[in-house]
Amino acid sequence: QAAFNFAVYKYRPTRYQFLPTIYNWMCNQSTPR
């Protein structure tokens, strides 16, 4: 994950999409309703 993040932020691939959190909801970050 560290390698993935660094590669995205430093090399800036030309085609990427950041999708909304409801598409990968981190339950430890916030308990759903």
PDB file of all heavy atoms in Angstrom:
ATOM      1  N   GLN A   1       0.828  -1.201   0.000  1.00  0.00           N
ATOM      2  CA  GLN A   1       0.000   0.000   0.000  1.00  0.00           C
ATOM      3  C   GLN A   1       0.869   1.260   0.000  1.00  0.00           C
ATOM      4  O   GLN A   1       0.571   2.231  -0.697  1.00  0.00           O
ATOM      5  CB  GLN A   1      -0.941   0.010   1.207  1.00  0.00           C
ATOM      6  CG  GLN A   1      -1.871   1.212   1.232  1.00  0.00           C
ATOM      7  CD  GLN A   1      -3.096   0.969   2.079  1.00  0.00           C
ATOM      8  OE1 GLN A   1      -4.014   0.253   1.690  1.00  0.00           O
ATOM      9  NE2 GLN A   1      -3.135   1.570   3.255  1.00  0.00           N
ATOM     10  N   ALA A   2       1.958   1.226   0.775  1.00  0.00           N
ATOM     11  CA  ALA A   2       2.884   2.356   0.769  1.00  0.00           C
ATOM     12  C   ALA A   2       3.481   2.550  -0.622  1.00  0.00           C
ATOM     13  O   ALA A   2       3.589   3.684  -1.117  1.00  0.00           O
ATOM     14  CB  ALA A   2       3.987   2.135   1.804  1.00  0.00           C
ATOM     15  N   ALA A   3       3.862   1.455  -1.267  1.00  0.00           N
ATOM     16  CA  ALA A   3       4.430   1.538  -2.612  1.00  0.00           C
ATOM     17  C   ALA A   3       3.405   2.065  -3.609  1.00  0.00           C
ATOM     18  O   ALA A   3       3.720   2.891  -4.476  1.00  0.00           O
ATOM     19  CB  ALA A   3       4.934   0.163  -3.054  1.00  0.00           C
ATOM     20  N   PHE A   4       2.184   1.599  -3.498  1.00  0.00           N
ATOM     21  CA  PHE A   4       1.100   2.041  -4.374  1.00  0.00           C
ATOM     22  C   PHE A   4       0.881   3.540  -4.219  1.00  0.00           C
ATOM     23  O   PHE A   4       0.831   4.288  -5.205  1.00  0.00           O
ATOM     24  CB  PHE A   4      -0.172   1.272  -4.029  1.00  0.00           C
ATOM     25  CG  PHE A   4      -1.367   1.579  -4.889  1.00  0.00           C
ATOM     26  CD1 PHE A   4      -1.704   0.738  -5.944  1.00  0.00           C
ATOM     27  CD2 PHE A   4      -2.178   2.674  -4.641  1.00  0.00           C
ATOM     28  CE1 PHE A   4      -2.814   1.009  -6.735  1.00  0.00           C
ATOM     29  CE2 PHE A   4      -3.288   2.946  -5.418  1.00  0.00           C
ATOM     30  CZ  PHE A   4      -3.602   2.112  -6.468  1.00  0.00           C
ATOM     31  N   ASN A   5       0.738   3.997  -2.977  1.00  0.00           N
ATOM     32  CA  ASN A   5       0.482   5.409  -2.719  1.00  0.00           C
ATOM     33  C   ASN A   5       1.619   6.279  -3.229  1.00  0.00           C
ATOM     34  O   ASN A   5       1.404   7.312  -3.875  1.00  0.00           O
ATOM     35  CB  ASN A   5       0.270   5.645  -1.224  1.00  0.00           C
ATOM     36  CG  ASN A   5      -1.143   5.337  -0.768  1.00  0.00           C
ATOM     37  OD1 ASN A   5      -1.922   6.228  -0.486  1.00  0.00           O
ATOM     38  ND2 ASN A   5      -1.483   4.059  -0.699  1.00  0.00           N
ATOM     39  N   PHE A   6       2.850   5.868  -2.916  1.00  0.00           N
ATOM     40  CA  PHE A   6       3.999   6.663  -3.345  1.00  0.00           C
ATOM     41  C   PHE A   6       4.052   6.754  -4.871  1.00  0.00           C
ATOM     42  O   PHE A   6       4.294   7.831  -5.435  1.00  0.00           O
ATOM     43  CB  PHE A   6       5.291   6.057  -2.813  1.00  0.00           C
ATOM     44  CG  PHE A   6       6.504   6.910  -3.054  1.00  0.00           C
ATOM     45  CD1 PHE A   6       6.824   7.944  -2.197  1.00  0.00           C
ATOM     46  CD2 PHE A   6       7.320   6.669  -4.148  1.00  0.00           C
ATOM     47  CE1 PHE A   6       7.942   8.740  -2.430  1.00  0.00           C
ATOM     48  CE2 PHE A   6       8.446   7.452  -4.386  1.00  0.00           C
ATOM     49  CZ  PHE A   6       8.754   8.494  -3.523  1.00  0.00           C
ATOM     50  N   ALA A   7       3.810   5.630  -5.544  1.00  0.00           N
ATOM     51  CA  ALA A   7       3.855   5.628  -7.008  1.00  0.00           C
ATOM     52  C   ALA A   7       2.782   6.527  -7.601  1.00  0.00           C
ATOM     53  O   ALA A   7       3.020   7.231  -8.590  1.00  0.00           O
ATOM     54  CB  ALA A   7       3.709   4.200  -7.529  1.00  0.00           C
ATOM     55  N   VAL A   8       1.585   6.529  -7.007  1.00  0.00           N
ATOM     56  CA  VAL A   8       0.518   7.393  -7.515  1.00  0.00           C
ATOM     57  C   VAL A   8       0.873   8.860  -7.309  1.00  0.00           C
ATOM     58  O   VAL A   8       0.792   9.686  -8.228  1.00  0.00           O
ATOM     59  CB  VAL A   8      -0.827   7.071  -6.831  1.00  0.00           C
ATOM     60  CG1 VAL A   8      -1.866   8.148  -7.158  1.00  0.00           C
ATOM     61  CG2 VAL A   8      -1.346   5.712  -7.271  1.00  0.00           C
ATOM     62  N   TYR A   9       1.287   9.200  -6.095  1.00  0.00           N
ATOM     63  CA  TYR A   9       1.520  10.605  -5.776  1.00  0.00           C
ATOM     64  C   TYR A   9       2.785  11.181  -6.413  1.00  0.00           C
ATOM     65  O   TYR A   9       2.843  12.365  -6.729  1.00  0.00           O
ATOM     66  CB  TYR A   9       1.556  10.797  -4.266  1.00  0.00           C
ATOM     67  CG  TYR A   9       0.211  10.680  -3.606  1.00  0.00           C
ATOM     68  CD1 TYR A   9       0.010   9.861  -2.498  1.00  0.00           C
ATOM     69  CD2 TYR A   9      -0.877  11.405  -4.081  1.00  0.00           C
ATOM     70  CE1 TYR A   9      -1.231   9.766  -1.879  1.00  0.00           C
ATOM     71  CE2 TYR A   9      -2.131  11.306  -3.481  1.00  0.00           C
ATOM     72  CZ  TYR A   9      -2.306  10.489  -2.379  1.00  0.00           C
ATOM     73  OH  TYR A   9      -3.542  10.399  -1.785  1.00  0.00           O
ATOM     74  N   LYS A  10       3.795  10.350  -6.617  1.00  0.00           N
ATOM     75  CA  LYS A  10       5.049  10.853  -7.170  1.00  0.00           C
ATOM     76  C   LYS A  10       5.095  10.775  -8.693  1.00  0.00           C
ATOM     77  O   LYS A  10       5.649  11.647  -9.352  1.00  0.00           O
ATOM     78  CB  LYS A  10       6.244  10.093  -6.583  1.00  0.00           C
ATOM     79  CG  LYS A  10       6.402  10.271  -5.088  1.00  0.00           C
ATOM     80  CD  LYS A  10       6.550  11.732  -4.681  1.00  0.00           C
ATOM     81  CE  LYS A  10       7.864  12.320  -5.156  1.00  0.00           C
ATOM     82  NZ  LYS A  10       8.049  13.711  -4.636  1.00  0.00           N
ATOM     83  N   TYR A  11       4.526   9.711  -9.258  1.00  0.00           N
ATOM     84  CA  TYR A  11       4.617   9.531 -10.696  1.00  0.00           C
ATOM     85  C   TYR A  11       3.361   9.984 -11.428  1.00  0.00           C
ATOM     86  O   TYR A  11       3.367  10.113 -12.649  1.00  0.00           O
ATOM     87  CB  TYR A  11       4.925   8.067 -11.026  1.00  0.00           C
ATOM     88  CG  TYR A  11       6.197   7.572 -10.377  1.00  0.00           C
ATOM     89  CD1 TYR A  11       6.215   6.396  -9.642  1.00  0.00           C
ATOM     90  CD2 TYR A  11       7.379   8.283 -10.492  1.00  0.00           C
ATOM     91  CE1 TYR A  11       7.382   5.940  -9.038  1.00  0.00           C
ATOM     92  CE2 TYR A  11       8.555   7.843  -9.901  1.00  0.00           C
ATOM     93  CZ  TYR A  11       8.545   6.663  -9.167  1.00  0.00           C
ATOM     94  OH  TYR A  11       9.695   6.240  -8.570  1.00  0.00           O
ATOM     95  N   ARG A  12       2.267  10.192 -10.692  1.00  0.00           N
ATOM     96  CA  ARG A  12       1.025  10.723 -11.237  1.00  0.00           C
ATOM     97  C   ARG A  12       0.607  10.040 -12.540  1.00  0.00           C
ATOM     98  O   ARG A  12       0.756  10.595 -13.637  1.00  0.00           O
ATOM     99  CB  ARG A  12       1.155  12.229 -11.479  1.00  0.00           C
ATOM    100  CG  ARG A  12       1.306  13.043 -10.215  1.00  0.00           C
ATOM    101  CD  ARG A  12       0.024  13.067  -9.410  1.00  0.00           C
ATOM    102  NE  ARG A  12       0.171  13.811  -8.158  1.00  0.00           N
ATOM    103  CZ  ARG A  12      -0.801  13.979  -7.275  1.00  0.00           C
ATOM    104  NH1 ARG A  12      -1.984  13.438  -7.510  1.00  0.00           N
ATOM    105  NH2 ARG A  12      -0.598  14.646  -6.168  1.00  0.00           N
ATOM    106  N   PRO A  13       0.105   8.813 -12.452  1.00  0.00           N
ATOM    107  CA  PRO A  13      -0.363   8.151 -13.677  1.00  0.00           C
ATOM    108  C   PRO A  13      -1.390   9.033 -14.388  1.00  0.00           C
ATOM    109  O   PRO A  13      -2.162   9.749 -13.756  1.00  0.00           O
ATOM    110  CB  PRO A  13      -0.990   6.849 -13.162  1.00  0.00           C
ATOM    111  CG  PRO A  13      -1.242   7.074 -11.708  1.00  0.00           C
ATOM    112  CD  PRO A  13      -0.191   8.026 -11.241  1.00  0.00           C
ATOM    113  N   THR A  14      -1.370   8.976 -15.701  1.00  0.00           N
ATOM    114  CA  THR A  14      -2.201   9.898 -16.478  1.00  0.00           C
ATOM    115  C   THR A  14      -3.680   9.569 -16.388  1.00  0.00           C
ATOM    116  O   THR A  14      -4.520  10.442 -16.598  1.00  0.00           O
ATOM    117  CB  THR A  14      -1.772   9.881 -17.959  1.00  0.00           C
ATOM    118  OG1 THR A  14      -1.794   8.529 -18.438  1.00  0.00           O
ATOM    119  CG2 THR A  14      -0.367  10.440 -18.111  1.00  0.00           C
ATOM    120  N   ARG A  15      -4.016   8.338 -16.075  1.00  0.00           N
ATOM    121  CA  ARG A  15      -5.428   7.951 -16.045  1.00  0.00           C
ATOM    122  C   ARG A  15      -5.720   7.224 -14.725  1.00  0.00           C
ATOM    123  O   ARG A  15      -5.383   6.054 -14.564  1.00  0.00           O
ATOM    124  CB  ARG A  15      -5.760   7.048 -17.237  1.00  0.00           C
ATOM    125  CG  ARG A  15      -5.557   7.736 -18.587  1.00  0.00           C
ATOM    126  CD  ARG A  15      -5.757   6.782 -19.745  1.00  0.00           C
ATOM    127  NE  ARG A  15      -7.137   6.333 -19.887  1.00  0.00           N
ATOM    128  CZ  ARG A  15      -8.092   7.035 -20.495  1.00  0.00           C
ATOM    129  NH1 ARG A  15      -7.828   8.230 -20.987  1.00  0.00           N
ATOM    130  NH2 ARG A  15      -9.306   6.549 -20.611  1.00  0.00           N
ATOM    131  N   TYR A  16      -6.329   7.953 -13.796  1.00  0.00           N
ATOM    132  CA  TYR A  16      -6.731   7.335 -12.549  1.00  0.00           C
ATOM    133  C   TYR A  16      -8.013   7.974 -12.055  1.00  0.00           C
ATOM    134  O   TYR A  16      -8.314   9.129 -12.387  1.00  0.00           O
ATOM    135  CB  TYR A  16      -5.638   7.416 -11.486  1.00  0.00           C
ATOM    136  CG  TYR A  16      -5.259   8.808 -11.032  1.00  0.00           C
ATOM    137  CD1 TYR A  16      -5.875   9.396  -9.929  1.00  0.00           C
ATOM    138  CD2 TYR A  16      -4.259   9.522 -11.679  1.00  0.00           C
ATOM    139  CE1 TYR A  16      -5.514  10.665  -9.506  1.00  0.00           C
ATOM    140  CE2 TYR A  16      -3.886  10.776 -11.267  1.00  0.00           C
ATOM    141  CZ  TYR A  16      -4.509  11.353 -10.180  1.00  0.00           C
ATOM    142  OH  TYR A  16      -4.158  12.607  -9.759  1.00  0.00           O
ATOM    143  N   GLN A  17      -8.787   7.227 -11.286  1.00  0.00           N
ATOM    144  CA  GLN A  17     -10.048   7.699 -10.734  1.00  0.00           C
ATOM    145  C   GLN A  17     -10.095   7.390  -9.250  1.00  0.00           C
ATOM    146  O   GLN A  17      -9.840   6.244  -8.839  1.00  0.00           O
ATOM    147  CB  GLN A  17     -11.238   7.017 -11.432  1.00  0.00           C
ATOM    148  CG  GLN A  17     -11.420   7.405 -12.885  1.00  0.00           C
ATOM    149  CD  GLN A  17     -12.606   6.711 -13.524  1.00  0.00           C
ATOM    150  OE1 GLN A  17     -13.138   5.735 -13.003  1.00  0.00           O
ATOM    151  NE2 GLN A  17     -13.034   7.208 -14.683  1.00  0.00           N
ATOM    152  N   PHE A  18     -10.411   8.386  -8.441  1.00  0.00           N
ATOM    153  CA  PHE A  18     -10.653   8.183  -7.021  1.00  0.00           C
ATOM    154  C   PHE A  18     -12.159   8.027  -6.833  1.00  0.00           C
ATOM    155  O   PHE A  18     -12.930   8.959  -7.098  1.00  0.00           O
ATOM    156  CB  PHE A  18     -10.130   9.367  -6.214  1.00  0.00           C
ATOM    157  CG  PHE A  18      -8.630   9.494  -6.193  1.00  0.00           C
ATOM    158  CD1 PHE A  18      -8.028  10.674  -5.790  1.00  0.00           C
ATOM    159  CD2 PHE A  18      -7.813   8.440  -6.579  1.00  0.00           C
ATOM    160  CE1 PHE A  18      -6.645  10.796  -5.765  1.00  0.00           C
ATOM    161  CE2 PHE A  18      -6.431   8.545  -6.561  1.00  0.00           C
ATOM    162  CZ  PHE A  18      -5.855   9.735  -6.157  1.00  0.00           C
ATOM    163  N   LEU A  19     -12.565   6.855  -6.405  1.00  0.00           N
ATOM    164  CA  LEU A  19     -13.987   6.554  -6.244  1.00  0.00           C
ATOM    165  C   LEU A  19     -14.444   6.888  -4.820  1.00  0.00           C
ATOM    166  O   LEU A  19     -13.627   7.004  -3.906  1.00  0.00           O
ATOM    167  CB  LEU A  19     -14.235   5.085  -6.575  1.00  0.00           C
ATOM    168  CG  LEU A  19     -13.901   4.669  -8.008  1.00  0.00           C
ATOM    169  CD1 LEU A  19     -14.168   3.174  -8.211  1.00  0.00           C
ATOM    170  CD2 LEU A  19     -14.694   5.488  -9.021  1.00  0.00           C
ATOM    171  N   PRO A  20     -15.753   7.042  -4.601  1.00  0.00           N
ATOM    172  CA  PRO A  20     -16.263   7.457  -3.288  1.00  0.00           C
ATOM    173  C   PRO A  20     -16.111   6.369  -2.227  1.00  0.00           C
ATOM    174  O   PRO A  20     -16.034   5.172  -2.537  1.00  0.00           O
ATOM    175  CB  PRO A  20     -17.739   7.772  -3.556  1.00  0.00           C
ATOM    176  CG  PRO A  20     -18.080   7.007  -4.786  1.00  0.00           C
ATOM    177  CD  PRO A  20     -16.830   6.955  -5.605  1.00  0.00           C
ATOM    178  N   THR A  21     -16.091   6.797  -0.979  1.00  0.00           N
ATOM    179  CA  THR A  21     -15.844   5.874   0.125  1.00  0.00           C
ATOM    180  C   THR A  21     -16.910   4.790   0.257  1.00  0.00           C
ATOM    181  O   THR A  21     -16.635   3.724   0.808  1.00  0.00           O
ATOM    182  CB  THR A  21     -15.736   6.633   1.452  1.00  0.00           C
ATOM    183  OG1 THR A  21     -16.817   7.568   1.561  1.00  0.00           O
ATOM    184  CG2 THR A  21     -14.427   7.379   1.539  1.00  0.00           C
ATOM    185  N   ILE A  22     -18.119   5.034  -0.220  1.00  0.00           N
ATOM    186  CA  ILE A  22     -19.152   3.989  -0.135  1.00  0.00           C
ATOM    187  C   ILE A  22     -18.792   2.795  -1.005  1.00  0.00           C
ATOM    188  O   ILE A  22     -19.423   1.737  -0.894  1.00  0.00           O
ATOM    189  CB  ILE A  22     -20.552   4.522  -0.516  1.00  0.00           C
ATOM    190  CG1 ILE A  22     -20.542   5.159  -1.907  1.00  0.00           C
ATOM    191  CG2 ILE A  22     -21.066   5.487   0.545  1.00  0.00           C
ATOM    192  CD1 ILE A  22     -21.928   5.540  -2.419  1.00  0.00           C
ATOM    193  N   TYR A  23     -17.769   2.920  -1.859  1.00  0.00           N
ATOM    194  CA  TYR A  23     -17.332   1.804  -2.694  1.00  0.00           C
ATOM    195  C   TYR A  23     -16.236   0.977  -2.028  1.00  0.00           C
ATOM    196  O   TYR A  23     -15.814  -0.040  -2.573  1.00  0.00           O
ATOM    197  CB  TYR A  23     -16.845   2.304  -4.050  1.00  0.00           C
ATOM    198  CG  TYR A  23     -17.952   2.802  -4.953  1.00  0.00           C
ATOM    199  CD1 TYR A  23     -17.664   3.419  -6.158  1.00  0.00           C
ATOM    200  CD2 TYR A  23     -19.298   2.665  -4.602  1.00  0.00           C
ATOM    201  CE1 TYR A  23     -18.678   3.880  -6.991  1.00  0.00           C
ATOM    202  CE2 TYR A  23     -20.305   3.121  -5.420  1.00  0.00           C
ATOM    203  CZ  TYR A  23     -19.990   3.723  -6.616  1.00  0.00           C
ATOM    204  OH  TYR A  23     -20.997   4.174  -7.433  1.00  0.00           O
ATOM    205  N   ASN A  24     -15.780   1.405  -0.859  1.00  0.00           N
ATOM    206  CA  ASN A  24     -14.822   0.623  -0.061  1.00  0.00           C
ATOM    207  C   ASN A  24     -14.850   1.223   1.347  1.00  0.00           C
ATOM    208  O   ASN A  24     -13.924   1.917   1.750  1.00  0.00           O
ATOM    209  CB  ASN A  24     -13.422   0.683  -0.672  1.00  0.00           C
ATOM    210  CG  ASN A  24     -12.398  -0.132   0.108  1.00  0.00           C
ATOM    211  OD1 ASN A  24     -12.744  -0.969   0.950  1.00  0.00           O
ATOM    212  ND2 ASN A  24     -11.120   0.115  -0.149  1.00  0.00           N
ATOM    213  N   TRP A  25     -15.936   0.956   2.058  1.00  0.00           N
ATOM    214  CA  TRP A  25     -16.174   1.603   3.350  1.00  0.00           C
ATOM    215  C   TRP A  25     -15.322   0.956   4.440  1.00  0.00           C
ATOM    216  O   TRP A  25     -15.451  -0.234   4.722  1.00  0.00           O
ATOM    217  CB  TRP A  25     -17.641   1.532   3.738  1.00  0.00           C
ATOM    218  CG  TRP A  25     -17.933   2.356   4.958  1.00  0.00           C
ATOM    219  CD1 TRP A  25     -17.978   1.920   6.259  1.00  0.00           C
ATOM    220  CD2 TRP A  25     -18.171   3.758   4.996  1.00  0.00           C
ATOM    221  NE1 TRP A  25     -18.249   2.975   7.098  1.00  0.00           N
ATOM    222  CE2 TRP A  25     -18.368   4.118   6.351  1.00  0.00           C
ATOM    223  CE3 TRP A  25     -18.246   4.749   4.013  1.00  0.00           C
ATOM    224  CZ2 TRP A  25     -18.630   5.432   6.738  1.00  0.00           C
ATOM    225  CZ3 TRP A  25     -18.519   6.046   4.403  1.00  0.00           C
ATOM    226  CH2 TRP A  25     -18.706   6.378   5.748  1.00  0.00           C
ATOM    227  N   MET A  26     -14.430   1.769   5.043  1.00  0.00           N
ATOM    228  CA  MET A  26     -13.537   1.278   6.078  1.00  0.00           C
ATOM    229  C   MET A  26     -14.278   1.286   7.415  1.00  0.00           C
ATOM    230  O   MET A  26     -14.429   2.331   8.060  1.00  0.00           O
ATOM    231  CB  MET A  26     -12.291   2.145   6.146  1.00  0.00           C
ATOM    232  CG  MET A  26     -11.576   2.309   4.808  1.00  0.00           C
ATOM    233  SD  MET A  26     -10.946   0.749   4.160  1.00  0.00           S
ATOM    234  CE  MET A  26      -9.656   0.404   5.350  1.00  0.00           C
ATOM    235  N   CYS A  27     -14.735   0.115   7.829  1.00  0.00           N
ATOM    236  CA  CYS A  27     -15.604   0.039   9.003  1.00  0.00           C
ATOM    237  C   CYS A  27     -14.892   0.396  10.303  1.00  0.00           C
ATOM    238  O   CYS A  27     -15.542   0.776  11.282  1.00  0.00           O
ATOM    239  CB  CYS A  27     -16.216  -1.351   9.103  1.00  0.00           C
ATOM    240  SG  CYS A  27     -17.398  -1.710   7.777  1.00  0.00           S
ATOM    241  N   ASN A  28     -13.560   0.272  10.331  1.00  0.00           N
ATOM    242  CA  ASN A  28     -12.841   0.683  11.532  1.00  0.00           C
ATOM    243  C   ASN A  28     -12.785   2.200  11.652  1.00  0.00           C
ATOM    244  O   ASN A  28     -12.616   2.752  12.742  1.00  0.00           O
ATOM    245  CB  ASN A  28     -11.412   0.130  11.522  1.00  0.00           C
ATOM    246  CG  ASN A  28     -10.533   0.817  10.491  1.00  0.00           C
ATOM    247  OD1 ASN A  28     -10.848   0.793   9.295  1.00  0.00           O
ATOM    248  ND2 ASN A  28      -9.440   1.426  10.912  1.00  0.00           N
ATOM    249  N   GLN A  29     -12.939   2.892  10.524  1.00  0.00           N
ATOM    250  CA  GLN A  29     -12.898   4.351  10.521  1.00  0.00           C
ATOM    251  C   GLN A  29     -14.224   4.963  10.971  1.00  0.00           C
ATOM    252  O   GLN A  29     -14.251   6.032  11.566  1.00  0.00           O
ATOM    253  CB  GLN A  29     -12.561   4.862   9.116  1.00  0.00           C
ATOM    254  CG  GLN A  29     -11.156   4.562   8.663  1.00  0.00           C
ATOM    255  CD  GLN A  29     -10.242   5.756   8.864  1.00  0.00           C
ATOM    256  OE1 GLN A  29     -10.480   6.602   9.707  1.00  0.00           O
ATOM    257  NE2 GLN A  29      -9.195   5.820   8.075  1.00  0.00           N
ATOM    258  N   SER A  30     -15.313   4.292  10.661  1.00  0.00           N
ATOM    259  CA  SER A  30     -16.631   4.794  11.053  1.00  0.00           C
ATOM    260  C   SER A  30     -17.644   3.666  10.932  1.00  0.00           C
ATOM    261  O   SER A  30     -17.764   3.052   9.875  1.00  0.00           O
ATOM    262  CB  SER A  30     -17.046   5.966  10.158  1.00  0.00           C
ATOM    263  OG  SER A  30     -18.260   6.529  10.616  1.00  0.00           O
ATOM    264  N   THR A  31     -18.359   3.397  12.013  1.00  0.00           N
ATOM    265  CA  THR A  31     -19.370   2.342  12.002  1.00  0.00           C
ATOM    266  C   THR A  31     -20.552   2.769  11.141  1.00  0.00           C
ATOM    267  O   THR A  31     -21.093   3.858  11.330  1.00  0.00           O
ATOM    268  CB  THR A  31     -19.873   2.050  13.424  1.00  0.00           C
ATOM    269  OG1 THR A  31     -18.762   1.670  14.244  1.00  0.00           O
ATOM    270  CG2 THR A  31     -20.904   0.937  13.425  1.00  0.00           C
ATOM    271  N   PRO A  32     -20.949   1.939  10.170  1.00  0.00           N
ATOM    272  CA  PRO A  32     -22.083   2.310   9.321  1.00  0.00           C
ATOM    273  C   PRO A  32     -23.381   2.404  10.125  1.00  0.00           C
ATOM    274  O   PRO A  32     -23.486   1.911  11.250  1.00  0.00           O
ATOM    275  CB  PRO A  32     -22.164   1.158   8.313  1.00  0.00           C
ATOM    276  CG  PRO A  32     -20.857   0.454   8.407  1.00  0.00           C
ATOM    277  CD  PRO A  32     -20.382   0.641   9.810  1.00  0.00           C
ATOM    278  N   ARG A  33     -24.347   3.037   9.538  1.00  0.00           N
ATOM    279  CA  ARG A  33     -25.712   3.052  10.059  1.00  0.00           C
ATOM    280  C   ARG A  33     -26.484   1.937   9.367  1.00  0.00           C
ATOM    281  O   ARG A  33     -26.097   1.480   8.280  1.00  0.00           O
ATOM    282  CB  ARG A  33     -26.355   4.408   9.771  1.00  0.00           C
ATOM    283  CG  ARG A  33     -27.714   4.653  10.443  1.00  0.00           C
ATOM    284  CD  ARG A  33     -28.251   6.028  10.072  1.00  0.00           C
ATOM    285  NE  ARG A  33     -29.539   6.308  10.700  1.00  0.00           N
ATOM    286  CZ  ARG A  33     -29.696   6.915  11.866  1.00  0.00           C
ATOM    287  NH1 ARG A  33     -28.610   7.334  12.541  1.00  0.00           N
ATOM    288  NH2 ARG A  33     -30.891   7.133  12.376  1.00  0.00           N
TER     289      ARG A  33
END
